[in-house]
Amino acid sequence: MKMRRWLIVTALVAGAAACGGNDADYPKLLPMDQLMRPPAIPGHAADAIDSPDAVTANLEGRAAGLHHGPARPAGATDAELQARARALRERARALSTQSVDDGAATCTAGSPDCPETPAN
């Protein structure tokens, strides 16, 4: 019986010690005046407060620049692109008529993929 009381007292003391005041385990709540304060305007939004029309015009200008940007690579003209397309079609037609013998690579004379070997 004495041992049983000893275990009960030990359990109660250990339980009371565990309930001790370490406040770091719980988050601190914000004070009500800080919670109810209106939101602060960030520094990068000052331009929009001073002149919203200027910001709107700037954004519309940037959007227009995105929509009307170059649709093809800079420097390529329609004539150059047409000539390149024609050369690719001719090469494809020539390659489609050739047969590959025993896995040996064949190429069209003068094509960049088939360098010519110098005569010995």
PDB file of N, CA and C in Angstrom:
ATOM      1  N   MET A   1       0.820  -1.187   0.000  1.00  0.00           N
ATOM      2  CA  MET A   1       0.000   0.000   0.000  1.00  0.00           C
ATOM      3  C   MET A   1       0.869   1.258   0.000  1.00  0.00           C
ATOM      4  N   LYS A   2       1.983   1.180   0.749  1.00  0.00           N
ATOM      5  CA  LYS A   2       2.881   2.318   0.827  1.00  0.00           C
ATOM      6  C   LYS A   2       3.508   2.590  -0.546  1.00  0.00           C
ATOM      7  N   MET A   3       3.801   1.528  -1.261  1.00  0.00           N
ATOM      8  CA  MET A   3       4.388   1.673  -2.591  1.00  0.00           C
ATOM      9  C   MET A   3       3.398   2.320  -3.550  1.00  0.00           C
ATOM     10  N   ARG A   4       2.140   1.991  -3.398  1.00  0.00           N
ATOM     11  CA  ARG A   4       1.112   2.551  -4.268  1.00  0.00           C
ATOM     12  C   ARG A   4       0.984   4.048  -4.046  1.00  0.00           C
ATOM     13  N   ARG A   5       1.000   4.495  -2.793  1.00  0.00           N
ATOM     14  CA  ARG A   5       0.947   5.939  -2.498  1.00  0.00           C
ATOM     15  C   ARG A   5       2.170   6.635  -3.080  1.00  0.00           C
ATOM     16  N   TRP A   6       3.295   5.993  -2.961  1.00  0.00           N
ATOM     17  CA  TRP A   6       4.538   6.586  -3.468  1.00  0.00           C
ATOM     18  C   TRP A   6       4.451   6.791  -4.988  1.00  0.00           C
ATOM     19  N   LEU A   7       3.910   5.849  -5.725  1.00  0.00           N
ATOM     20  CA  LEU A   7       3.758   5.979  -7.171  1.00  0.00           C
ATOM     21  C   LEU A   7       2.760   7.082  -7.536  1.00  0.00           C
ATOM     22  N   ILE A   8       1.670   7.185  -6.772  1.00  0.00           N
ATOM     23  CA  ILE A   8       0.671   8.226  -7.045  1.00  0.00           C
ATOM     24  C   ILE A   8       1.262   9.601  -6.808  1.00  0.00           C
ATOM     25  N   VAL A   9       1.969   9.781  -5.696  1.00  0.00           N
ATOM     26  CA  VAL A   9       2.582  11.077  -5.381  1.00  0.00           C
ATOM     27  C   VAL A   9       3.631  11.426  -6.435  1.00  0.00           C
ATOM     28  N   THR A  10       4.427  10.475  -6.839  1.00  0.00           N
ATOM     29  CA  THR A  10       5.458  10.721  -7.854  1.00  0.00           C
ATOM     30  C   THR A  10       4.815  11.133  -9.182  1.00  0.00           C
ATOM     31  N   ALA A  11       3.734  10.478  -9.565  1.00  0.00           N
ATOM     32  CA  ALA A  11       3.045  10.825 -10.808  1.00  0.00           C
ATOM     33  C   ALA A  11       2.449  12.221 -10.737  1.00  0.00           C
ATOM     34  N   LEU A  12       1.869  12.594  -9.584  1.00  0.00           N
ATOM     35  CA  LEU A  12       1.302  13.937  -9.430  1.00  0.00           C
ATOM     36  C   LEU A  12       2.378  15.010  -9.480  1.00  0.00           C
ATOM     37  N   VAL A  13       3.510  14.777  -8.838  1.00  0.00           N
ATOM     38  CA  VAL A  13       4.610  15.754  -8.847  1.00  0.00           C
ATOM     39  C   VAL A  13       5.169  15.903 -10.266  1.00  0.00           C
ATOM     40  N   ALA A  14       5.342  14.798 -10.959  1.00  0.00           N
ATOM     41  CA  ALA A  14       5.851  14.862 -12.334  1.00  0.00           C
ATOM     42  C   ALA A  14       4.859  15.582 -13.240  1.00  0.00           C
ATOM     43  N   GLY A  15       3.570  15.335 -13.057  1.00  0.00           N
ATOM     44  CA  GLY A  15       2.544  16.012 -13.843  1.00  0.00           C
ATOM     45  C   GLY A  15       2.509  17.498 -13.578  1.00  0.00           C
ATOM     46  N   ALA A  16       2.657  17.897 -12.306  1.00  0.00           N
ATOM     47  CA  ALA A  16       2.667  19.318 -11.956  1.00  0.00           C
ATOM     48  C   ALA A  16       3.902  20.001 -12.528  1.00  0.00           C
ATOM     49  N   ALA A  17       5.029  19.322 -12.544  1.00  0.00           N
ATOM     50  CA  ALA A  17       6.255  19.903 -13.093  1.00  0.00           C
ATOM     51  C   ALA A  17       6.131  20.094 -14.603  1.00  0.00           C
ATOM     52  N   ALA A  18       5.423  19.202 -15.265  1.00  0.00           N
ATOM     53  CA  ALA A  18       5.249  19.308 -16.709  1.00  0.00           C
ATOM     54  C   ALA A  18       4.360  20.477 -17.086  1.00  0.00           C
ATOM     55  N   CYS A  19       3.499  20.912 -16.192  1.00  0.00           N
ATOM     56  CA  CYS A  19       2.602  22.030 -16.475  1.00  0.00           C
ATOM     57  C   CYS A  19       3.269  23.368 -16.221  1.00  0.00           C
ATOM     58  N   GLY A  20       4.543  23.379 -15.905  1.00  0.00           N
ATOM     59  CA  GLY A  20       5.259  24.599 -15.535  1.00  0.00           C
ATOM     60  C   GLY A  20       5.306  25.620 -16.644  1.00  0.00           C
ATOM     61  N   GLY A  21       5.731  26.817 -16.319  1.00  0.00           N
ATOM     62  CA  GLY A  21       5.550  28.003 -17.134  1.00  0.00           C
ATOM     63  C   GLY A  21       6.556  28.285 -18.220  1.00  0.00           C
ATOM     64  N   ASN A  22       6.801  27.400 -19.158  1.00  0.00           N
ATOM     65  CA  ASN A  22       7.616  27.731 -20.320  1.00  0.00           C
ATOM     66  C   ASN A  22       6.693  28.316 -21.384  1.00  0.00           C
ATOM     67  N   ASP A  23       6.674  29.641 -21.500  1.00  0.00           N
ATOM     68  CA  ASP A  23       5.755  30.319 -22.419  1.00  0.00           C
ATOM     69  C   ASP A  23       6.234  30.291 -23.871  1.00  0.00           C
ATOM     70  N   ALA A  24       7.443  29.845 -24.115  1.00  0.00           N
ATOM     71  CA  ALA A  24       7.970  29.844 -25.480  1.00  0.00           C
ATOM     72  C   ALA A  24       7.277  28.803 -26.358  1.00  0.00           C
ATOM     73  N   ASP A  25       6.565  27.854 -25.748  1.00  0.00           N
ATOM     74  CA  ASP A  25       5.889  26.821 -26.527  1.00  0.00           C
ATOM     75  C   ASP A  25       4.655  27.347 -27.250  1.00  0.00           C
ATOM     76  N   TYR A  26       4.089  28.443 -26.775  1.00  0.00           N
ATOM     77  CA  TYR A  26       2.841  28.962 -27.332  1.00  0.00           C
ATOM     78  C   TYR A  26       3.113  30.263 -28.087  1.00  0.00           C
ATOM     79  N   PRO A  27       2.454  30.497 -29.206  1.00  0.00           N
ATOM     80  CA  PRO A  27       2.659  31.761 -29.928  1.00  0.00           C
ATOM     81  C   PRO A  27       2.046  32.925 -29.171  1.00  0.00           C
ATOM     82  N   LYS A  28       2.674  34.056 -29.298  1.00  0.00           N
ATOM     83  CA  LYS A  28       2.141  35.260 -28.661  1.00  0.00           C
ATOM     84  C   LYS A  28       1.054  35.831 -29.560  1.00  0.00           C
ATOM     85  N   LEU A  29      -0.035  36.267 -28.956  1.00  0.00           N
ATOM     86  CA  LEU A  29      -1.138  36.845 -29.711  1.00  0.00           C
ATOM     87  C   LEU A  29      -0.871  38.325 -29.947  1.00  0.00           C
ATOM     88  N   LEU A  30      -1.378  38.843 -31.071  1.00  0.00           N
ATOM     89  CA  LEU A  30      -1.212  40.261 -31.376  1.00  0.00           C
ATOM     90  C   LEU A  30      -2.157  41.092 -30.530  1.00  0.00           C
ATOM     91  N   PRO A  31      -1.701  42.250 -30.085  1.00  0.00           N
ATOM     92  CA  PRO A  31      -2.607  43.143 -29.363  1.00  0.00           C
ATOM     93  C   PRO A  31      -3.712  43.642 -30.295  1.00  0.00           C
ATOM     94  N   MET A  32      -4.860  43.942 -29.732  1.00  0.00           N
ATOM     95  CA  MET A  32      -6.025  44.348 -30.518  1.00  0.00           C
ATOM     96  C   MET A  32      -5.777  45.630 -31.314  1.00  0.00           C
ATOM     97  N   ASP A  33      -5.047  46.601 -30.760  1.00  0.00           N
ATOM     98  CA  ASP A  33      -4.798  47.845 -31.505  1.00  0.00           C
ATOM     99  C   ASP A  33      -3.945  47.583 -32.746  1.00  0.00           C
ATOM    100  N   GLN A  34      -3.058  46.611 -32.675  1.00  0.00           N
ATOM    101  CA  GLN A  34      -2.251  46.270 -33.841  1.00  0.00           C
ATOM    102  C   GLN A  34      -3.086  45.498 -34.869  1.00  0.00           C
ATOM    103  N   LEU A  35      -4.005  44.679 -34.394  1.00  0.00           N
ATOM    104  CA  LEU A  35      -4.876  43.937 -35.305  1.00  0.00           C
ATOM    105  C   LEU A  35      -5.845  44.839 -36.050  1.00  0.00           C
ATOM    106  N   MET A  36      -6.366  45.840 -35.394  1.00  0.00           N
ATOM    107  CA  MET A  36      -7.407  46.690 -35.966  1.00  0.00           C
ATOM    108  C   MET A  36      -6.851  47.883 -36.740  1.00  0.00           C
ATOM    109  N   ARG A  37      -5.535  48.056 -36.769  1.00  0.00           N
ATOM    110  CA  ARG A  37      -4.908  49.169 -37.474  1.00  0.00           C
ATOM    111  C   ARG A  37      -5.096  48.988 -38.981  1.00  0.00           C
ATOM    112  N   PRO A  38      -5.369  50.067 -39.732  1.00  0.00           N
ATOM    113  CA  PRO A  38      -5.493  49.929 -41.191  1.00  0.00           C
ATOM    114  C   PRO A  38      -4.158  49.467 -41.795  1.00  0.00           C
ATOM    115  N   PRO A  39      -4.209  48.772 -42.911  1.00  0.00           N
ATOM    116  CA  PRO A  39      -2.971  48.257 -43.502  1.00  0.00           C
ATOM    117  C   PRO A  39      -2.062  49.380 -43.975  1.00  0.00           C
ATOM    118  N   ALA A  40      -0.772  49.154 -43.848  1.00  0.00           N
ATOM    119  CA  ALA A  40       0.217  50.135 -44.301  1.00  0.00           C
ATOM    120  C   ALA A  40       0.425  49.964 -45.805  1.00  0.00           C
ATOM    121  N   ILE A  41       0.585  51.065 -46.511  1.00  0.00           N
ATOM    122  CA  ILE A  41       0.838  51.046 -47.957  1.00  0.00           C
ATOM    123  C   ILE A  41       2.334  50.799 -48.161  1.00  0.00           C
ATOM    124  N   PRO A  42       2.721  49.789 -48.938  1.00  0.00           N
ATOM    125  CA  PRO A  42       4.143  49.534 -49.163  1.00  0.00           C
ATOM    126  C   PRO A  42       4.801  50.668 -49.937  1.00  0.00           C
ATOM    127  N   GLY A  43       6.100  50.798 -49.772  1.00  0.00           N
ATOM    128  CA  GLY A  43       6.843  51.887 -50.393  1.00  0.00           C
ATOM    129  C   GLY A  43       6.771  51.897 -51.909  1.00  0.00           C
ATOM    130  N   HIS A  44       6.725  50.725 -52.544  1.00  0.00           N
ATOM    131  CA  HIS A  44       6.709  50.680 -54.007  1.00  0.00           C
ATOM    132  C   HIS A  44       5.354  51.092 -54.584  1.00  0.00           C
ATOM    133  N   ALA A  45       4.350  51.303 -53.732  1.00  0.00           N
ATOM    134  CA  ALA A  45       3.028  51.706 -54.216  1.00  0.00           C
ATOM    135  C   ALA A  45       2.827  53.217 -54.143  1.00  0.00           C
ATOM    136  N   ALA A  46       3.855  53.961 -53.748  1.00  0.00           N
ATOM    137  CA  ALA A  46       3.719  55.414 -53.606  1.00  0.00           C
ATOM    138  C   ALA A  46       3.386  56.083 -54.942  1.00  0.00           C
ATOM    139  N   ASP A  47       3.940  55.585 -56.045  1.00  0.00           N
ATOM    140  CA  ASP A  47       3.649  56.173 -57.362  1.00  0.00           C
ATOM    141  C   ASP A  47       2.168  56.046 -57.704  1.00  0.00           C
ATOM    142  N   ALA A  48       1.576  54.933 -57.369  1.00  0.00           N
ATOM    143  CA  ALA A  48       0.161  54.727 -57.671  1.00  0.00           C
ATOM    144  C   ALA A  48      -0.718  55.648 -56.844  1.00  0.00           C
ATOM    145  N   ILE A  49      -0.293  55.971 -55.643  1.00  0.00           N
ATOM    146  CA  ILE A  49      -1.078  56.880 -54.800  1.00  0.00           C
ATOM    147  C   ILE A  49      -0.993  58.298 -55.353  1.00  0.00           C
ATOM    148  N   ASP A  50       0.220  58.707 -55.755  1.00  0.00           N
ATOM    149  CA  ASP A  50       0.425  60.080 -56.232  1.00  0.00           C
ATOM    150  C   ASP A  50      -0.233  60.321 -57.585  1.00  0.00           C
ATOM    151  N   SER A  51      -0.074  59.397 -58.519  1.00  0.00           N
ATOM    152  CA  SER A  51      -0.640  59.605 -59.858  1.00  0.00           C
ATOM    153  C   SER A  51      -1.094  58.272 -60.448  1.00  0.00           C
ATOM    154  N   PRO A  52      -2.309  57.860 -60.150  1.00  0.00           N
ATOM    155  CA  PRO A  52      -2.787  56.581 -60.681  1.00  0.00           C
ATOM    156  C   PRO A  52      -2.921  56.578 -62.204  1.00  0.00           C
ATOM    157  N   ASP A  53      -3.192  57.733 -62.805  1.00  0.00           N
ATOM    158  CA  ASP A  53      -3.322  57.789 -64.268  1.00  0.00           C
ATOM    159  C   ASP A  53      -1.993  57.496 -64.959  1.00  0.00           C
ATOM    160  N   ALA A  54      -0.899  57.985 -64.373  1.00  0.00           N
ATOM    161  CA  ALA A  54       0.416  57.732 -64.964  1.00  0.00           C
ATOM    162  C   ALA A  54       0.761  56.246 -64.888  1.00  0.00           C
ATOM    163  N   VAL A  55       0.415  55.618 -63.781  1.00  0.00           N
ATOM    164  CA  VAL A  55       0.688  54.185 -63.642  1.00  0.00           C
ATOM    165  C   VAL A  55      -0.148  53.391 -64.644  1.00  0.00           C
ATOM    166  N   THR A  56      -1.409  53.770 -64.810  1.00  0.00           N
ATOM    167  CA  THR A  56      -2.281  53.091 -65.769  1.00  0.00           C
ATOM    168  C   THR A  56      -1.739  53.241 -67.187  1.00  0.00           C
ATOM    169  N   ALA A  57      -1.312  54.444 -67.549  1.00  0.00           N
ATOM    170  CA  ALA A  57      -0.760  54.677 -68.887  1.00  0.00           C
ATOM    171  C   ALA A  57       0.514  53.863 -69.099  1.00  0.00           C
ATOM    172  N   ASN A  58       1.349  53.784 -68.070  1.00  0.00           N
ATOM    173  CA  ASN A  58       2.583  53.011 -68.166  1.00  0.00           C
ATOM    174  C   ASN A  58       2.276  51.534 -68.392  1.00  0.00           C
ATOM    175  N   LEU A  59       1.328  50.997 -67.639  1.00  0.00           N
ATOM    176  CA  LEU A  59       0.967  49.588 -67.798  1.00  0.00           C
ATOM    177  C   LEU A  59       0.345  49.309 -69.164  1.00  0.00           C
ATOM    178  N   GLU A  60      -0.498  50.210 -69.645  1.00  0.00           N
ATOM    179  CA  GLU A  60      -1.107  50.022 -70.959  1.00  0.00           C
ATOM    180  C   GLU A  60      -0.055  50.078 -72.065  1.00  0.00           C
ATOM    181  N   GLY A  61       0.932  50.961 -71.905  1.00  0.00           N
ATOM    182  CA  GLY A  61       2.019  51.040 -72.878  1.00  0.00           C
ATOM    183  C   GLY A  61       2.844  49.766 -72.915  1.00  0.00           C
ATOM    184  N   ARG A  62       3.128  49.214 -71.743  1.00  0.00           N
ATOM    185  CA  ARG A  62       3.879  47.965 -71.687  1.00  0.00           C
ATOM    186  C   ARG A  62       3.078  46.819 -72.302  1.00  0.00           C
ATOM    187  N   ALA A  63       1.776  46.797 -72.055  1.00  0.00           N
ATOM    188  CA  ALA A  63       0.926  45.747 -72.627  1.00  0.00           C
ATOM    189  C   ALA A  63       0.880  45.860 -74.148  1.00  0.00           C
ATOM    190  N   ALA A  64       0.797  47.087 -74.661  1.00  0.00           N
ATOM    191  CA  ALA A  64       0.773  47.285 -76.111  1.00  0.00           C
ATOM    192  C   ALA A  64       2.091  46.827 -76.731  1.00  0.00           C
ATOM    193  N   GLY A  65       3.195  47.067 -76.044  1.00  0.00           N
ATOM    194  CA  GLY A  65       4.492  46.624 -76.537  1.00  0.00           C
ATOM    195  C   GLY A  65       4.594  45.115 -76.605  1.00  0.00           C
ATOM    196  N   LEU A  66       3.941  44.434 -75.689  1.00  0.00           N
ATOM    197  CA  LEU A  66       3.963  42.974 -75.708  1.00  0.00           C
ATOM    198  C   LEU A  66       3.131  42.422 -76.855  1.00  0.00           C
ATOM    199  N   HIS A  67       2.010  43.058 -77.153  1.00  0.00           N
ATOM    200  CA  HIS A  67       1.119  42.554 -78.192  1.00  0.00           C
ATOM    201  C   HIS A  67       1.618  42.861 -79.600  1.00  0.00           C
ATOM    202  N   HIS A  68       2.377  43.937 -79.769  1.00  0.00           N
ATOM    203  CA  HIS A  68       2.806  44.345 -81.105  1.00  0.00           C
ATOM    204  C   HIS A  68       4.299  44.135 -81.305  1.00  0.00           C
ATOM    205  N   GLY A  69       4.877  43.202 -80.581  1.00  0.00           N
ATOM    206  CA  GLY A  69       6.302  42.923 -80.699  1.00  0.00           C
ATOM    207  C   GLY A  69       6.617  42.229 -82.011  1.00  0.00           C
ATOM    208  N   PRO A  70       7.889  42.054 -82.297  1.00  0.00           N
ATOM    209  CA  PRO A  70       8.273  41.401 -83.555  1.00  0.00           C
ATOM    210  C   PRO A  70       7.825  39.947 -83.558  1.00  0.00           C
ATOM    211  N   ALA A  71       7.212  39.540 -84.670  1.00  0.00           N
ATOM    212  CA  ALA A  71       6.702  38.175 -84.782  1.00  0.00           C
ATOM    213  C   ALA A  71       7.749  37.238 -85.369  1.00  0.00           C
ATOM    214  N   ARG A  72       8.826  37.769 -85.915  1.00  0.00           N
ATOM    215  CA  ARG A  72       9.866  36.939 -86.506  1.00  0.00           C
ATOM    216  C   ARG A  72      11.222  37.425 -86.004  1.00  0.00           C
ATOM    217  N   PRO A  73      12.255  36.643 -86.202  1.00  0.00           N
ATOM    218  CA  PRO A  73      13.579  37.049 -85.734  1.00  0.00           C
ATOM    219  C   PRO A  73      14.023  38.356 -86.378  1.00  0.00           C
ATOM    220  N   ALA A  74      14.721  39.158 -85.615  1.00  0.00           N
ATOM    221  CA  ALA A  74      15.192  40.448 -86.125  1.00  0.00           C
ATOM    222  C   ALA A  74      16.179  40.220 -87.264  1.00  0.00           C
ATOM    223  N   GLY A  75      16.050  40.998 -88.311  1.00  0.00           N
ATOM    224  CA  GLY A  75      16.982  40.943 -89.423  1.00  0.00           C
ATOM    225  C   GLY A  75      16.553  40.040 -90.567  1.00  0.00           C
ATOM    226  N   ALA A  76      15.595  39.155 -90.356  1.00  0.00           N
ATOM    227  CA  ALA A  76      15.158  38.266 -91.433  1.00  0.00           C
ATOM    228  C   ALA A  76      14.061  38.951 -92.236  1.00  0.00           C
ATOM    229  N   THR A  77      14.255  38.997 -93.551  1.00  0.00           N
ATOM    230  CA  THR A  77      13.244  39.603 -94.418  1.00  0.00           C
ATOM    231  C   THR A  77      12.378  38.507 -95.021  1.00  0.00           C
ATOM    232  N   ASP A  78      11.263  38.914 -95.589  1.00  0.00           N
ATOM    233  CA  ASP A  78      10.367  37.938 -96.216  1.00  0.00           C
ATOM    234  C   ASP A  78      11.059  37.200 -97.360  1.00  0.00           C
ATOM    235  N   ALA A  79      11.851  37.917 -98.138  1.00  0.00           N
ATOM    236  CA  ALA A  79      12.537  37.287 -99.269  1.00  0.00           C
ATOM    237  C   ALA A  79      13.525  36.227 -98.781  1.00  0.00           C
ATOM    238  N   GLU A  80      14.261  36.538 -97.720  1.00  0.00           N
ATOM    239  CA  GLU A  80      15.216  35.572 -97.177  1.00  0.00           C
ATOM    240  C   GLU A  80      14.499  34.336 -96.625  1.00  0.00           C
ATOM    241  N   LEU A  81      13.397  34.566 -95.941  1.00  0.00           N
ATOM    242  CA  LEU A  81      12.644  33.441 -95.387  1.00  0.00           C
ATOM    243  C   LEU A  81      12.043  32.580 -96.492  1.00  0.00           C
ATOM    244  N   GLN A  82      11.540  33.213 -97.556  1.00  0.00           N
ATOM    245  CA  GLN A  82      10.983  32.456 -98.679  1.00  0.00           C
ATOM    246  C   GLN A  82      12.073  31.638 -99.375  1.00  0.00           C
ATOM    247  N   ALA A  83      13.255  32.232 -99.546  1.00  0.00           N
ATOM    248  CA  ALA A  83      14.358  31.517-100.195  1.00  0.00           C
ATOM    249  C   ALA A  83      14.793  30.322 -99.346  1.00  0.00           C
ATOM    250  N   ARG A  84      14.845  30.504 -98.049  1.00  0.00           N
ATOM    251  CA  ARG A  84      15.225  29.414 -97.145  1.00  0.00           C
ATOM    252  C   ARG A  84      14.186  28.292 -97.189  1.00  0.00           C
ATOM    253  N   ALA A  85      12.916  28.651 -97.195  1.00  0.00           N
ATOM    254  CA  ALA A  85      11.851  27.644 -97.262  1.00  0.00           C
ATOM    255  C   ALA A  85      11.917  26.877 -98.580  1.00  0.00           C
ATOM    256  N   ARG A  86      12.179  27.585 -99.681  1.00  0.00           N
ATOM    257  CA  ARG A  86      12.278  26.938-100.990  1.00  0.00           C
ATOM    258  C   ARG A  86      13.464  25.963-101.001  1.00  0.00           C
ATOM    259  N   ALA A  87      14.602  26.372-100.443  1.00  0.00           N
ATOM    260  CA  ALA A  87      15.780  25.499-100.403  1.00  0.00           C
ATOM    261  C   ALA A  87      15.515  24.259 -99.551  1.00  0.00           C
ATOM    262  N   LEU A  88      14.807  24.425 -98.461  1.00  0.00           N
ATOM    263  CA  LEU A  88      14.484  23.275 -97.612  1.00  0.00           C
ATOM    264  C   LEU A  88      13.536  22.306 -98.314  1.00  0.00           C
ATOM    265  N   ARG A  89      12.572  22.846 -99.064  1.00  0.00           N
ATOM    266  CA  ARG A  89      11.649  21.981 -99.810  1.00  0.00           C
ATOM    267  C   ARG A  89      12.395  21.189-100.881  1.00  0.00           C
ATOM    268  N   GLU A  90      13.304  21.862-101.604  1.00  0.00           N
ATOM    269  CA  GLU A  90      14.089  21.186-102.639  1.00  0.00           C
ATOM    270  C   GLU A  90      14.956  20.094-102.032  1.00  0.00           C
ATOM    271  N   ARG A  91      15.552  20.376-100.907  1.00  0.00           N
ATOM    272  CA  ARG A  91      16.402  19.383-100.244  1.00  0.00           C
ATOM    273  C   ARG A  91      15.569  18.194 -99.786  1.00  0.00           C
ATOM    274  N   ALA A  92      14.394  18.461 -99.227  1.00  0.00           N
ATOM    275  CA  ALA A  92      13.517  17.371 -98.785  1.00  0.00           C
ATOM    276  C   ALA A  92      13.086  16.511 -99.969  1.00  0.00           C
ATOM    277  N   ARG A  93      12.780  17.146-101.103  1.00  0.00           N
ATOM    278  CA  ARG A  93      12.379  16.403-102.301  1.00  0.00           C
ATOM    279  C   ARG A  93      13.537  15.533-102.790  1.00  0.00           C
ATOM    280  N   ALA A  94      14.752  16.092-102.793  1.00  0.00           N
ATOM    281  CA  ALA A  94      15.919  15.335-103.245  1.00  0.00           C
ATOM    282  C   ALA A  94      16.209  14.165-102.304  1.00  0.00           C
ATOM    283  N   LEU A  95      16.081  14.379-101.022  1.00  0.00           N
ATOM    284  CA  LEU A  95      16.340  13.302-100.065  1.00  0.00           C
ATOM    285  C   LEU A  95      15.284  12.212-100.143  1.00  0.00           C
ATOM    286  N   SER A  96      14.062  12.586-100.461  1.00  0.00           N
ATOM    287  CA  SER A  96      12.997  11.578-100.517  1.00  0.00           C
ATOM    288  C   SER A  96      13.155  10.650-101.717  1.00  0.00           C
ATOM    289  N   THR A  97      13.855  11.084-102.755  1.00  0.00           N
ATOM    290  CA  THR A  97      14.047  10.233-103.935  1.00  0.00           C
ATOM    291  C   THR A  97      15.273   9.344-103.811  1.00  0.00           C
ATOM    292  N   GLN A  98      16.166   9.632-102.891  1.00  0.00           N
ATOM    293  CA  GLN A  98      17.376   8.833-102.729  1.00  0.00           C
ATOM    294  C   GLN A  98      17.084   7.603-101.883  1.00  0.00           C
ATOM    295  N   SER A  99      17.828   6.538-102.159  1.00  0.00           N
ATOM    296  CA  SER A  99      17.717   5.342-101.326  1.00  0.00           C
ATOM    297  C   SER A  99      18.984   5.218-100.491  1.00  0.00           C
ATOM    298  N   VAL A 100      18.822   4.654 -99.337  1.00  0.00           N
ATOM    299  CA  VAL A 100      19.966   4.475 -98.453  1.00  0.00           C
ATOM    300  C   VAL A 100      20.435   3.035 -98.614  1.00  0.00           C
ATOM    301  N   ASP A 101      21.689   2.874 -99.063  1.00  0.00           N
ATOM    302  CA  ASP A 101      22.240   1.535 -99.296  1.00  0.00           C
ATOM    303  C   ASP A 101      23.084   1.112 -98.105  1.00  0.00           C
ATOM    304  N   ASP A 102      22.709   0.005 -97.495  1.00  0.00           N
ATOM    305  CA  ASP A 102      23.462  -0.604 -96.399  1.00  0.00           C
ATOM    306  C   ASP A 102      23.747   0.380 -95.266  1.00  0.00           C
ATOM    307  N   GLY A 103      22.887   1.286 -95.012  1.00  0.00           N
ATOM    308  CA  GLY A 103      23.051   2.219 -93.896  1.00  0.00           C
ATOM    309  C   GLY A 103      24.073   3.307 -94.154  1.00  0.00           C
ATOM    310  N   ALA A 104      24.647   3.375 -95.355  1.00  0.00           N
ATOM    311  CA  ALA A 104      25.622   4.417 -95.656  1.00  0.00           C
ATOM    312  C   ALA A 104      24.897   5.739 -95.819  1.00  0.00           C
ATOM    313  N   ALA A 105      25.452   6.776 -95.260  1.00  0.00           N
ATOM    314  CA  ALA A 105      24.825   8.097 -95.327  1.00  0.00           C
ATOM    315  C   ALA A 105      25.076   8.711 -96.690  1.00  0.00           C
ATOM    316  N   THR A 106      24.020   9.195 -97.292  1.00  0.00           N
ATOM    317  CA  THR A 106      24.150   9.902 -98.564  1.00  0.00           C
ATOM    318  C   THR A 106      23.721  11.335 -98.335  1.00  0.00           C
ATOM    319  N   CYS A 107      24.271  12.217 -99.110  1.00  0.00           N
ATOM    320  CA  CYS A 107      23.892  13.616 -98.952  1.00  0.00           C
ATOM    321  C   CYS A 107      23.911  14.313-100.303  1.00  0.00           C
ATOM    322  N   THR A 108      23.197  15.404-100.348  1.00  0.00           N
ATOM    323  CA  THR A 108      23.106  16.187-101.564  1.00  0.00           C
ATOM    324  C   THR A 108      24.385  16.998-101.714  1.00  0.00           C
ATOM    325  N   ALA A 109      24.902  17.054-102.925  1.00  0.00           N
ATOM    326  CA  ALA A 109      26.129  17.796-103.161  1.00  0.00           C
ATOM    327  C   ALA A 109      25.926  19.264-102.821  1.00  0.00           C
ATOM    328  N   GLY A 110      26.865  19.796-102.072  1.00  0.00           N
ATOM    329  CA  GLY A 110      26.812  21.210-101.721  1.00  0.00           C
ATOM    330  C   GLY A 110      25.996  21.517-100.478  1.00  0.00           C
ATOM    331  N   SER A 111      25.402  20.505 -99.854  1.00  0.00           N
ATOM    332  CA  SER A 111      24.617  20.783 -98.645  1.00  0.00           C
ATOM    333  C   SER A 111      25.559  20.970 -97.460  1.00  0.00           C
ATOM    334  N   PRO A 112      25.159  21.735 -96.468  1.00  0.00           N
ATOM    335  CA  PRO A 112      26.050  21.983 -95.334  1.00  0.00           C
ATOM    336  C   PRO A 112      26.279  20.734 -94.488  1.00  0.00           C
ATOM    337  N   ASP A 113      25.398  19.736 -94.584  1.00  0.00           N
ATOM    338  CA  ASP A 113      25.553  18.521 -93.792  1.00  0.00           C
ATOM    339  C   ASP A 113      26.547  17.538 -94.405  1.00  0.00           C
ATOM    340  N   CYS A 114      26.916  17.756 -95.659  1.00  0.00           N
ATOM    341  CA  CYS A 114      27.802  16.833 -96.362  1.00  0.00           C
ATOM    342  C   CYS A 114      29.016  17.600 -96.880  1.00  0.00           C
ATOM    343  N   PRO A 115      30.050  17.734 -96.071  1.00  0.00           N
ATOM    344  CA  PRO A 115      31.220  18.479 -96.548  1.00  0.00           C
ATOM    345  C   PRO A 115      31.928  17.705 -97.661  1.00  0.00           C
ATOM    346  N   GLU A 116      32.376  18.444 -98.616  1.00  0.00           N
ATOM    347  CA  GLU A 116      33.060  17.818 -99.752  1.00  0.00           C
ATOM    348  C   GLU A 116      34.484  17.469 -99.344  1.00  0.00           C
ATOM    349  N   THR A 117      34.943  16.318 -99.780  1.00  0.00           N
ATOM    350  CA  THR A 117      36.308  15.907 -99.453  1.00  0.00           C
ATOM    351  C   THR A 117      37.243  16.465-100.514  1.00  0.00           C
ATOM    352  N   PRO A 118      38.370  17.002-100.090  1.00  0.00           N
ATOM    353  CA  PRO A 118      39.305  17.565-101.079  1.00  0.00           C
ATOM    354  C   PRO A 118      39.948  16.450-101.909  1.00  0.00           C
ATOM    355  N   ALA A 119      40.236  16.750-103.165  1.00  0.00           N
ATOM    356  CA  ALA A 119      40.860  15.772-104.069  1.00  0.00           C
ATOM    357  C   ALA A 119      42.311  15.591-103.679  1.00  0.00           C
ATOM    358  N   ASN A 120      42.773  14.320-103.701  1.00  0.00           N
ATOM    359  CA  ASN A 120      44.177  14.041-103.364  1.00  0.00           C
ATOM    360  C   ASN A 120      45.035  14.111-104.574  1.00  0.00           C
TER     361      ASN A 120
END
